[in-house]
Each structure stands twice: as C-alpha cells, then as structure tokens.
C-alpha cells in the first residue's frame, strides 16, 4: 500500500470503542455514547474517555463532544473495551 493511500476508517457507531496510544504506556480509550448533527448538519460524536495504564483505569471523564472528522483522526484504533 502506498503512503498516499488512506486506510479505511473503522465504522463509528454507538457503543463502539477506539484507542489513542499516549506516551508512557498510557492508553486513551473513547467509548461512543451517541452520534448526532448540529444545526448546520455537521456530524458529531458524544463519548466518554478513560486513561489506562497497565490494565488499570486511572481516570474516566466525559461526556465529551467532537466533530466526527476530529474524532476519527484522533481515535484510529478500534478497541474491544
């Protein structure tokens, strides 16, 4: 695969979870609560986020909201969480 080809984005749906690795063996996991659109029709993701280190949850926060595009660019790895 060429470096210019985009990888197919995993489907973002309610209940799905995605990870974003952080430095220092910390993993940021986002669990999708809902999908909605703002008054301008821009899709958004409402989610809870947790930070884990060595299988132990350090912090859980939310709910948070990001545009679907911003969410997909940050949380690229599907998670079983």
Protein backbone atom coordinates (compact mmCIF):
# COMPACT_ATOMS: atom_id res chain seq x y z
CA UNK A 1 0.00 0.00 0.00
CA UNK A 2 1.30 3.42 -0.91
CA UNK A 3 1.84 6.02 1.80
CA UNK A 4 -0.56 8.26 -0.13
CA UNK A 5 -3.48 5.85 0.13
CA UNK A 6 -5.80 6.32 3.05
CA UNK A 7 -6.68 3.45 5.30
CA UNK A 8 -10.36 2.70 5.54
CA UNK A 9 -11.77 4.31 8.68
CA UNK A 10 -13.46 1.87 11.07
CA UNK A 11 -17.20 2.38 11.43
CA UNK A 12 -18.05 4.74 14.27
CA UNK A 13 -21.32 3.74 15.92
CA UNK A 14 -22.98 3.86 19.35
CA UNK A 15 -21.23 1.54 21.80
CA UNK A 16 -18.03 1.28 19.75
CA UNK A 17 -14.70 1.97 21.46
CA UNK A 18 -11.50 3.40 19.98
CA UNK A 19 -7.98 3.90 21.35
CA UNK A 20 -5.32 6.57 21.11
CA UNK A 21 -1.91 5.50 22.50
CA UNK A 22 -0.17 8.10 24.67
CA UNK A 23 3.49 8.37 25.72
CA UNK A 24 4.49 6.46 28.83
CA UNK A 25 2.36 3.35 28.16
CA UNK A 26 -0.88 5.24 28.80
CA UNK A 27 -3.82 4.38 26.56
CA UNK A 28 -6.67 6.80 25.95
CA UNK A 29 -9.92 4.97 25.16
CA UNK A 30 -13.07 6.64 23.86
CA UNK A 31 -16.45 4.88 24.14
CA UNK A 32 -19.09 6.29 21.78
CA UNK A 33 -22.32 7.26 23.53
CA UNK A 34 -24.19 8.72 20.55
CA UNK A 35 -23.93 10.31 17.12
CA UNK A 36 -25.79 13.49 16.24
CA UNK A 37 -25.67 16.50 13.93
CA UNK A 38 -25.50 20.16 14.92
CA UNK A 39 -27.91 22.78 13.49
CA UNK A 40 -25.62 23.18 10.45
CA UNK A 41 -25.71 19.44 9.72
CA UNK A 42 -22.13 18.73 10.88
CA UNK A 43 -21.95 15.23 12.41
CA UNK A 44 -20.65 14.97 15.99
CA UNK A 45 -19.70 12.16 18.35
CA UNK A 46 -20.63 12.23 22.05
CA UNK A 47 -18.27 9.98 24.03
CA UNK A 48 -16.71 9.08 27.38
CA UNK A 49 -12.94 8.91 27.63
CA UNK A 50 -10.75 6.90 30.01
CA UNK A 51 -6.99 6.84 30.52
CA UNK A 52 -5.48 3.47 31.37
CA UNK A 53 -2.04 2.29 32.38
CA UNK A 54 -1.16 -1.38 32.81
CA UNK A 55 -4.80 -2.58 32.64
CA UNK A 56 -5.80 -0.16 35.42
CA UNK A 57 -8.10 2.79 34.81
CA UNK A 58 -6.52 5.98 36.04
CA UNK A 59 -9.24 8.43 35.07
CA UNK A 60 -12.63 8.46 33.35
CA UNK A 61 -14.09 11.71 32.07
CA UNK A 62 -16.97 12.95 29.98
CA UNK A 63 -19.19 13.10 28.27
CA UNK A 64 -17.29 15.00 25.59
CA UNK A 65 -18.25 16.01 22.06
CA UNK A 66 -16.09 16.23 18.93
CA UNK A 67 -16.95 16.51 15.27
CA UNK A 68 -16.95 13.14 13.55
CA UNK A 69 -13.89 14.14 11.50
CA UNK A 70 -11.88 15.25 14.56
CA UNK A 71 -12.90 12.12 16.49
CA UNK A 72 -11.89 9.81 13.62
CA UNK A 73 -8.50 11.49 13.22
CA UNK A 74 -7.65 11.16 16.92
CA UNK A 75 -9.12 7.72 17.73
CA UNK A 76 -7.95 5.48 14.88
CA UNK A 77 -7.63 2.07 16.55
CA UNK A 78 -10.76 0.05 17.32
CA UNK A 79 -10.80 -1.31 20.88
CA UNK A 80 -12.64 -4.19 22.50
CA UNK A 81 -13.26 -2.10 25.64
